[in-house]
Amino acid sequence: MIRTMAQERDVGIGEILGVHHVKVPVSDLVRSRAWYERVFDLEPLMEFRDDSDGVVRGVSYKAKGDLALALREHPAAARGIAGFDFFAVMLCGRPDIDAWATRLEELGIAHSDIIDAPIGFIMSFDDPDGIQLRFYTLNEQGADPEGRVRATRP
């Protein structure tokens, strides 16, 4: 069981609390939606229809931990960021990234080797448009690169 370190606290006016959501551009919403839902076990929260033709061109998902993800059909943007990792998913530690490596293999999705880096372990893989997705782990003390403890295991 992982316990996150989020605490109730007073928030100053204008204080940045974190990332609201990450919107991933995709070339084919139907294909990418099926892939992301299968890989990350995502549950749709809301669909966004195009004003001109009523076709669903976007979807947002219920958050997984602190990750709130959305997909938006935008072929040119998807082509433009292919091969680039514009966000990374945070995991707790080595057992977690090992579990994801196994999951990706079971789904037939190629991934990089797990790299032991000074900031934790890293693994990357591509979505259907070639956008690089990465997992990064916290260090062995559950801290991020700035030393903030983000999660602990009892």
C-alpha atoms as a PDB file:
ATOM      1  CA  MET A   1       0.000   0.000   0.000  1.00  0.00           C
ATOM      2  CA  ILE A   2       1.341   3.421  -0.965  1.00  0.00           C
ATOM      3  CA  ARG A   3       0.470   6.435   1.119  1.00  0.00           C
ATOM      4  CA  THR A   4       0.808   9.752  -0.725  1.00  0.00           C
ATOM      5  CA  MET A   5       2.105  12.692   1.230  1.00  0.00           C
ATOM      6  CA  ALA A   6      -0.615  15.153   0.183  1.00  0.00           C
ATOM      7  CA  GLN A   7      -1.800  17.115   3.202  1.00  0.00           C
ATOM      8  CA  GLU A   8      -4.606  19.539   3.865  1.00  0.00           C
ATOM      9  CA  ARG A   9      -3.121  23.013   4.206  1.00  0.00           C
ATOM     10  CA  ASP A  10      -3.862  26.675   3.719  1.00  0.00           C
ATOM     11  CA  VAL A  11      -3.384  27.780   0.138  1.00  0.00           C
ATOM     12  CA  GLY A  12      -2.225  31.275  -0.737  1.00  0.00           C
ATOM     13  CA  ILE A  13      -4.006  33.364  -3.362  1.00  0.00           C
ATOM     14  CA  GLY A  14      -2.597  32.484  -6.780  1.00  0.00           C
ATOM     15  CA  GLU A  15      -0.575  29.510  -5.498  1.00  0.00           C
ATOM     16  CA  ILE A  16       0.169  26.866  -8.107  1.00  0.00           C
ATOM     17  CA  LEU A  17      -1.125  23.529  -6.850  1.00  0.00           C
ATOM     18  CA  GLY A  18       0.197  21.288  -9.637  1.00  0.00           C
ATOM     19  CA  VAL A  19      -0.723  20.225 -13.139  1.00  0.00           C
ATOM     20  CA  HIS A  20      -4.488  20.202 -13.792  1.00  0.00           C
ATOM     21  CA  HIS A  21      -4.274  17.690 -16.645  1.00  0.00           C
ATOM     22  CA  VAL A  22      -2.096  16.611 -19.535  1.00  0.00           C
ATOM     23  CA  LYS A  23      -3.707  16.708 -22.984  1.00  0.00           C
ATOM     24  CA  VAL A  24      -2.095  14.406 -25.538  1.00  0.00           C
ATOM     25  CA  PRO A  25      -2.640  15.196 -29.223  1.00  0.00           C
ATOM     26  CA  VAL A  26      -3.471  12.120 -31.303  1.00  0.00           C
ATOM     27  CA  SER A  27      -3.959  11.512 -35.026  1.00  0.00           C
ATOM     28  CA  ASP A  28      -6.833   9.024 -34.648  1.00  0.00           C
ATOM     29  CA  LEU A  29      -8.920   9.367 -31.498  1.00  0.00           C
ATOM     30  CA  VAL A  30     -10.650   5.988 -31.825  1.00  0.00           C
ATOM     31  CA  ARG A  31      -7.343   4.096 -32.150  1.00  0.00           C
ATOM     32  CA  SER A  32      -5.501   6.092 -29.474  1.00  0.00           C
ATOM     33  CA  ARG A  33      -8.417   6.023 -27.086  1.00  0.00           C
ATOM     34  CA  ALA A  34      -8.543   2.219 -27.214  1.00  0.00           C
ATOM     35  CA  TRP A  35      -4.756   2.042 -26.709  1.00  0.00           C
ATOM     36  CA  TYR A  36      -4.564   4.469 -23.755  1.00  0.00           C
ATOM     37  CA  GLU A  37      -7.585   2.908 -22.049  1.00  0.00           C
ATOM     38  CA  ARG A  38      -6.091  -0.581 -22.433  1.00  0.00           C
ATOM     39  CA  VAL A  39      -2.549   0.364 -21.375  1.00  0.00           C
ATOM     40  CA  PHE A  40      -3.402   2.614 -18.426  1.00  0.00           C
ATOM     41  CA  ASP A  41      -6.776   1.090 -17.506  1.00  0.00           C
ATOM     42  CA  LEU A  42      -8.373   4.515 -17.879  1.00  0.00           C
ATOM     43  CA  GLU A  43     -12.003   5.287 -17.218  1.00  0.00           C
ATOM     44  CA  PRO A  44     -13.560   8.029 -19.406  1.00  0.00           C
ATOM     45  CA  LEU A  45     -14.847  11.062 -17.555  1.00  0.00           C
ATOM     46  CA  MET A  46     -16.058  13.311 -20.370  1.00  0.00           C
ATOM     47  CA  GLU A  47     -16.200  13.353 -24.165  1.00  0.00           C
ATOM     48  CA  PHE A  48     -15.804  16.484 -26.270  1.00  0.00           C
ATOM     49  CA  ARG A  49     -17.764  16.784 -29.509  1.00  0.00           C
ATOM     50  CA  ASP A  50     -16.737  19.008 -32.387  1.00  0.00           C
ATOM     51  CA  ASP A  51     -19.086  22.011 -32.659  1.00  0.00           C
ATOM     52  CA  SER A  52     -19.310  21.782 -36.440  1.00  0.00           C
ATOM     53  CA  ASP A  53     -19.977  18.074 -37.031  1.00  0.00           C
ATOM     54  CA  GLY A  54     -20.783  16.611 -33.599  1.00  0.00           C
ATOM     55  CA  VAL A  55     -18.023  13.986 -33.854  1.00  0.00           C
ATOM     56  CA  VAL A  56     -16.194  13.169 -30.624  1.00  0.00           C
ATOM     57  CA  ARG A  57     -12.711  14.679 -31.013  1.00  0.00           C
ATOM     58  CA  GLY A  58     -11.555  14.542 -27.392  1.00  0.00           C
ATOM     59  CA  VAL A  59     -11.894  12.613 -24.167  1.00  0.00           C
ATOM     60  CA  SER A  60     -10.793  13.213 -20.594  1.00  0.00           C
ATOM     61  CA  TYR A  61     -10.253  10.478 -18.037  1.00  0.00           C
ATOM     62  CA  LYS A  62     -10.706   9.984 -14.328  1.00  0.00           C
ATOM     63  CA  ALA A  63      -7.369  10.636 -12.638  1.00  0.00           C
ATOM     64  CA  LYS A  64      -4.950   7.848 -11.791  1.00  0.00           C
ATOM     65  CA  GLY A  65      -3.228   9.062  -8.648  1.00  0.00           C
ATOM     66  CA  ASP A  66      -2.211  12.627  -9.502  1.00  0.00           C
ATOM     67  CA  LEU A  67      -2.257  12.010 -13.271  1.00  0.00           C
ATOM     68  CA  ALA A  68      -5.269  13.445 -15.081  1.00  0.00           C
ATOM     69  CA  LEU A  69      -5.021  12.640 -18.775  1.00  0.00           C
ATOM     70  CA  ALA A  70      -6.981  13.797 -21.817  1.00  0.00           C
ATOM     71  CA  LEU A  71      -6.704  12.977 -25.517  1.00  0.00           C
ATOM     72  CA  ARG A  72      -7.502  15.412 -28.324  1.00  0.00           C
ATOM     73  CA  GLU A  73      -7.614  14.558 -32.011  1.00  0.00           C
ATOM     74  CA  HIS A  74      -5.084  16.866 -33.664  1.00  0.00           C
ATOM     75  CA  PRO A  75      -3.053  14.991 -36.312  1.00  0.00           C
ATOM     76  CA  ALA A  76      -0.594  17.809 -37.062  1.00  0.00           C
ATOM     77  CA  ALA A  77       0.294  18.270 -33.389  1.00  0.00           C
ATOM     78  CA  ALA A  78       0.676  14.496 -32.897  1.00  0.00           C
ATOM     79  CA  ARG A  79       3.069  14.332 -35.867  1.00  0.00           C
ATOM     80  CA  GLY A  80       4.945  17.354 -34.538  1.00  0.00           C
ATOM     81  CA  ILE A  81       5.760  15.789 -31.168  1.00  0.00           C
ATOM     82  CA  ALA A  82       6.361  12.216 -32.321  1.00  0.00           C
ATOM     83  CA  GLY A  83       9.550  10.943 -30.693  1.00  0.00           C
ATOM     84  CA  PHE A  84       9.390  13.535 -27.908  1.00  0.00           C
ATOM     85  CA  ASP A  85       8.516  12.865 -24.255  1.00  0.00           C
ATOM     86  CA  PHE A  86       6.662  15.966 -23.095  1.00  0.00           C
ATOM     87  CA  PHE A  87       5.583  14.445 -19.788  1.00  0.00           C
ATOM     88  CA  ALA A  88       6.584  11.539 -17.563  1.00  0.00           C
ATOM     89  CA  VAL A  89       4.509   9.331 -15.285  1.00  0.00           C
ATOM     90  CA  MET A  90       5.777   9.120 -11.704  1.00  0.00           C
ATOM     91  CA  LEU A  91       6.017   5.723 -10.021  1.00  0.00           C
ATOM     92  CA  CYS A  92       7.161   4.874  -6.507  1.00  0.00           C
ATOM     93  CA  GLY A  93      10.116   2.529  -7.019  1.00  0.00           C
ATOM     94  CA  ARG A  94      11.813  -0.346  -8.807  1.00  0.00           C
ATOM     95  CA  PRO A  95       9.056  -2.910  -8.134  1.00  0.00           C
ATOM     96  CA  ASP A  96       6.537  -0.535  -9.748  1.00  0.00           C
ATOM     97  CA  ILE A  97       8.521   0.031 -12.923  1.00  0.00           C
ATOM     98  CA  ASP A  98       9.196  -3.731 -13.119  1.00  0.00           C
ATOM     99  CA  ALA A  99       5.438  -4.341 -12.908  1.00  0.00           C
ATOM    100  CA  TRP A 100       4.842  -1.858 -15.749  1.00  0.00           C
ATOM    101  CA  ALA A 101       7.525  -3.510 -17.876  1.00  0.00           C
ATOM    102  CA  THR A 102       5.710  -6.818 -17.393  1.00  0.00           C
ATOM    103  CA  ARG A 103       2.327  -5.231 -18.203  1.00  0.00           C
ATOM    104  CA  LEU A 104       3.648  -3.653 -21.402  1.00  0.00           C
ATOM    105  CA  GLU A 105       5.186  -6.975 -22.463  1.00  0.00           C
ATOM    106  CA  GLU A 106       1.886  -8.767 -21.801  1.00  0.00           C
ATOM    107  CA  LEU A 107       0.159  -6.167 -24.015  1.00  0.00           C
ATOM    108  CA  GLY A 108       2.769  -6.626 -26.745  1.00  0.00           C
ATOM    109  CA  ILE A 109       4.119  -3.084 -26.397  1.00  0.00           C
ATOM    110  CA  ALA A 110       7.848  -2.632 -26.922  1.00  0.00           C
ATOM    111  CA  HIS A 111       9.694  -0.600 -24.295  1.00  0.00           C
ATOM    112  CA  SER A 112      13.214   0.468 -23.464  1.00  0.00           C
ATOM    113  CA  ASP A 113      15.342  -1.289 -20.914  1.00  0.00           C
ATOM    114  CA  ILE A 114      14.914   0.007 -17.382  1.00  0.00           C
ATOM    115  CA  ILE A 115      17.672   2.543 -16.788  1.00  0.00           C
ATOM    116  CA  ASP A 116      19.150   3.079 -13.311  1.00  0.00           C
ATOM    117  CA  ALA A 117      19.660   6.862 -13.262  1.00  0.00           C
ATOM    118  CA  PRO A 118      20.723   9.166 -10.400  1.00  0.00           C
ATOM    119  CA  ILE A 119      17.113  10.362 -10.057  1.00  0.00           C
ATOM    120  CA  GLY A 120      15.549   6.876  -9.984  1.00  0.00           C
ATOM    121  CA  PHE A 121      14.641   4.303 -12.611  1.00  0.00           C
ATOM    122  CA  ILE A 122      13.426   5.262 -16.095  1.00  0.00           C
ATOM    123  CA  MET A 123      11.656   3.340 -18.861  1.00  0.00           C
ATOM    124  CA  SER A 124      10.171   4.637 -22.125  1.00  0.00           C
ATOM    125  CA  PHE A 125       7.756   3.397 -24.780  1.00  0.00           C
ATOM    126  CA  ASP A 126       5.750   4.900 -27.645  1.00  0.00           C
ATOM    127  CA  ASP A 127       2.046   5.467 -28.115  1.00  0.00           C
ATOM    128  CA  PRO A 128       0.392   4.694 -31.499  1.00  0.00           C
ATOM    129  CA  ASP A 129       1.530   8.078 -32.904  1.00  0.00           C
ATOM    130  CA  GLY A 130       5.134   7.564 -31.829  1.00  0.00           C
ATOM    131  CA  ILE A 131       4.859  10.000 -28.921  1.00  0.00           C
ATOM    132  CA  GLN A 132       7.333   8.843 -26.312  1.00  0.00           C
ATOM    133  CA  LEU A 133       5.910   8.082 -22.881  1.00  0.00           C
ATOM    134  CA  ARG A 134       8.162   7.632 -19.866  1.00  0.00           C
ATOM    135  CA  PHE A 135       7.936   6.227 -16.405  1.00  0.00           C
ATOM    136  CA  TYR A 136      10.226   7.748 -13.781  1.00  0.00           C
ATOM    137  CA  THR A 137      10.467   6.422 -10.236  1.00  0.00           C
ATOM    138  CA  LEU A 138      11.130   8.251  -7.039  1.00  0.00           C
ATOM    139  CA  ASN A 139      14.410   7.411  -5.334  1.00  0.00           C
ATOM    140  CA  GLU A 140      14.649   4.688  -2.669  1.00  0.00           C
ATOM    141  CA  GLN A 141      13.517   7.153   0.026  1.00  0.00           C
ATOM    142  CA  GLY A 142      10.388   8.014  -1.966  1.00  0.00           C
ATOM    143  CA  ALA A 143      11.737  11.459  -2.876  1.00  0.00           C
ATOM    144  CA  ASP A 144      11.623  13.281  -6.196  1.00  0.00           C
ATOM    145  CA  PRO A 145      14.706  14.956  -7.726  1.00  0.00           C
ATOM    146  CA  GLU A 146      14.201  17.999  -5.464  1.00  0.00           C
ATOM    147  CA  GLY A 147      14.223  15.794  -2.361  1.00  0.00           C
ATOM    148  CA  ARG A 148      10.494  16.136  -1.653  1.00  0.00           C
ATOM    149  CA  VAL A 149       9.106  12.926  -0.208  1.00  0.00           C
ATOM    150  CA  ARG A 150       6.132  12.088  -2.418  1.00  0.00           C
ATOM    151  CA  ALA A 151       5.216   8.546  -1.381  1.00  0.00           C
ATOM    152  CA  THR A 152       6.280   5.964   1.150  1.00  0.00           C
ATOM    153  CA  ARG A 153       5.640   2.292   1.660  1.00  0.00           C
ATOM    154  CA  PRO A 154       4.856   1.111   5.189  1.00  0.00           C
END
